[in-house]
C-alpha atoms as a PDB file:
ATOM      1  CA  UNK A   1      17.938  83.283 -78.025  1.00  0.00           C
ATOM      2  CA  UNK A   2      15.823  85.369 -75.641  1.00  0.00           C
ATOM      3  CA  UNK A   3      17.091  88.523 -73.968  1.00  0.00           C
ATOM      4  CA  UNK A   4      17.081  86.706 -70.633  1.00  0.00           C
ATOM      5  CA  UNK A   5      19.179  83.872 -72.062  1.00  0.00           C
ATOM      6  CA  UNK A   6      21.649  86.359 -73.545  1.00  0.00           C
ATOM      7  CA  UNK A   7      22.034  88.146 -70.207  1.00  0.00           C
ATOM      8  CA  UNK A   8      22.450  84.828 -68.403  1.00  0.00           C
ATOM      9  CA  UNK A   9      25.168  83.847 -70.888  1.00  0.00           C
ATOM     10  CA  UNK A  10      26.985  87.142 -70.224  1.00  0.00           C
ATOM     11  CA  UNK A  11      26.754  86.504 -66.481  1.00  0.00           C
ATOM     12  CA  UNK A  12      28.259  83.037 -66.949  1.00  0.00           C
ATOM     13  CA  UNK A  13      31.434  84.705 -68.247  1.00  0.00           C
ATOM     14  CA  UNK A  14      32.017  86.498 -64.932  1.00  0.00           C
ATOM     15  CA  UNK A  15      30.241  84.168 -62.511  1.00  0.00           C
ATOM     16  CA  UNK A  16      33.415  82.111 -61.719  1.00  0.00           C
ATOM     17  CA  UNK A  17      35.079  85.276 -60.346  1.00  0.00           C
ATOM     18  CA  UNK A  18      32.066  86.075 -58.170  1.00  0.00           C
ATOM     19  CA  UNK A  19      31.833  82.516 -56.876  1.00  0.00           C
ATOM     20  CA  UNK A  20      35.568  82.498 -56.093  1.00  0.00           C
ATOM     21  CA  UNK A  21      34.905  85.390 -53.695  1.00  0.00           C
ATOM     22  CA  UNK A  22      31.879  83.685 -52.132  1.00  0.00           C
ATOM     23  CA  UNK A  23      29.223  85.541 -54.098  1.00  0.00           C
ATOM     24  CA  UNK A  24      26.959  85.255 -57.100  1.00  0.00           C
ATOM     25  CA  UNK A  25      24.320  87.207 -58.992  1.00  0.00           C
ATOM     26  CA  UNK A  26      20.762  86.415 -60.096  1.00  0.00           C
ATOM     27  CA  UNK A  27      18.479  88.078 -62.636  1.00  0.00           C
ATOM     28  CA  UNK A  28      15.402  89.468 -60.869  1.00  0.00           C
ATOM     29  CA  UNK A  29      13.778  90.893 -63.988  1.00  0.00           C
ATOM     30  CA  UNK A  30      14.308  92.521 -67.346  1.00  0.00           C
ATOM     31  CA  UNK A  31      11.928  95.464 -67.673  1.00  0.00           C
ATOM     32  CA  UNK A  32       9.943  96.467 -70.752  1.00  0.00           C
ATOM     33  CA  UNK A  33      12.562  99.131 -71.519  1.00  0.00           C
ATOM     34  CA  UNK A  34      15.377  96.535 -71.354  1.00  0.00           C
ATOM     35  CA  UNK A  35      16.762  97.388 -67.925  1.00  0.00           C
ATOM     36  CA  UNK A  36      18.275  94.343 -66.222  1.00  0.00           C
ATOM     37  CA  UNK A  37      17.579  94.226 -62.491  1.00  0.00           C
ATOM     38  CA  UNK A  38      19.932  91.928 -60.595  1.00  0.00           C
ATOM     39  CA  UNK A  39      20.235  90.674 -57.052  1.00  0.00           C
ATOM     40  CA  UNK A  40      23.731  90.290 -55.636  1.00  0.00           C
ATOM     41  CA  UNK A  41      24.029  87.113 -53.590  1.00  0.00           C
ATOM     42  CA  UNK A  42      26.339  85.871 -50.842  1.00  0.00           C
ATOM     43  CA  UNK A  43      29.406  88.010 -50.246  1.00  0.00           C
ATOM     44  CA  UNK A  44      28.558  90.170 -53.269  1.00  0.00           C
ATOM     45  CA  UNK A  45      25.566  91.560 -51.401  1.00  0.00           C
ATOM     46  CA  UNK A  46      27.601  92.758 -48.430  1.00  0.00           C
ATOM     47  CA  UNK A  47      31.110  93.395 -49.793  1.00  0.00           C
ATOM     48  CA  UNK A  48      32.397  96.967 -49.631  1.00  0.00           C
ATOM     49  CA  UNK A  49      33.689  96.548 -53.202  1.00  0.00           C
ATOM     50  CA  UNK A  50      30.354  95.343 -54.586  1.00  0.00           C
ATOM     51  CA  UNK A  51      29.632  98.729 -56.199  1.00  0.00           C
ATOM     52  CA  UNK A  52      32.860  98.446 -58.201  1.00  0.00           C
ATOM     53  CA  UNK A  53      32.163  94.789 -59.016  1.00  0.00           C
ATOM     54  CA  UNK A  54      28.748  95.812 -60.288  1.00  0.00           C
ATOM     55  CA  UNK A  55      29.936  98.737 -62.417  1.00  0.00           C
ATOM     56  CA  UNK A  56      33.282  97.459 -63.702  1.00  0.00           C
ATOM     57  CA  UNK A  57      32.461  93.789 -63.985  1.00  0.00           C
ATOM     58  CA  UNK A  58      28.838  92.772 -64.166  1.00  0.00           C
ATOM     59  CA  UNK A  59      27.425  95.848 -65.925  1.00  0.00           C
ATOM     60  CA  UNK A  60      30.193  95.951 -68.533  1.00  0.00           C
ATOM     61  CA  UNK A  61      29.930  92.239 -69.292  1.00  0.00           C
ATOM     62  CA  UNK A  62      26.182  92.492 -69.875  1.00  0.00           C
ATOM     63  CA  UNK A  63      26.258  95.741 -71.863  1.00  0.00           C
ATOM     64  CA  UNK A  64      29.042  94.443 -74.114  1.00  0.00           C
ATOM     65  CA  UNK A  65      27.419  91.058 -74.758  1.00  0.00           C
ATOM     66  CA  UNK A  66      23.811  92.260 -75.086  1.00  0.00           C
ATOM     67  CA  UNK A  67      23.635  95.659 -76.842  1.00  0.00           C
ATOM     68  CA  UNK A  68      19.819  95.759 -76.528  1.00  0.00           C
ATOM     69  CA  UNK A  69      20.149  96.232 -72.750  1.00  0.00           C
ATOM     70  CA  UNK A  70      19.826  99.899 -71.793  1.00  0.00           C
ATOM     71  CA  UNK A  71      20.913  99.716 -68.140  1.00  0.00           C
ATOM     72  CA  UNK A  72      21.915  97.324 -65.372  1.00  0.00           C
ATOM     73  CA  UNK A  73      20.785  97.815 -61.773  1.00  0.00           C
ATOM     74  CA  UNK A  74      21.362  95.870 -58.589  1.00  0.00           C
ATOM     75  CA  UNK A  75      18.248  95.911 -56.423  1.00  0.00           C
ATOM     76  CA  UNK A  76      20.174  95.335 -53.187  1.00  0.00           C
ATOM     77  CA  UNK A  77      23.250  97.479 -53.745  1.00  0.00           C
ATOM     78  CA  UNK A  78      23.899 100.642 -51.785  1.00  0.00           C
ATOM     79  CA  UNK A  79      26.015 103.141 -53.676  1.00  0.00           C
ATOM     80  CA  UNK A  80      29.114 104.366 -51.827  1.00  0.00           C
ATOM     81  CA  UNK A  81      28.713 107.616 -49.913  1.00  0.00           C
END
């Protein structure tokens, strides 16, 4: 199974929770140094809690399921001030 498929499988485990809140997430790319770059979609892109969703939910699910991944970034997420 490719790295992309493994990451997608990890996302499937949390996707129902994102969809329930009107959001979703898509893989934009996986870099040569195994950094996953994601785009938050729908409500996930504009929610004030999206930083926490990213760190506590999405990032942890991917890092736990796919140990080869070195980092997870959201390309359209502003960190809280």
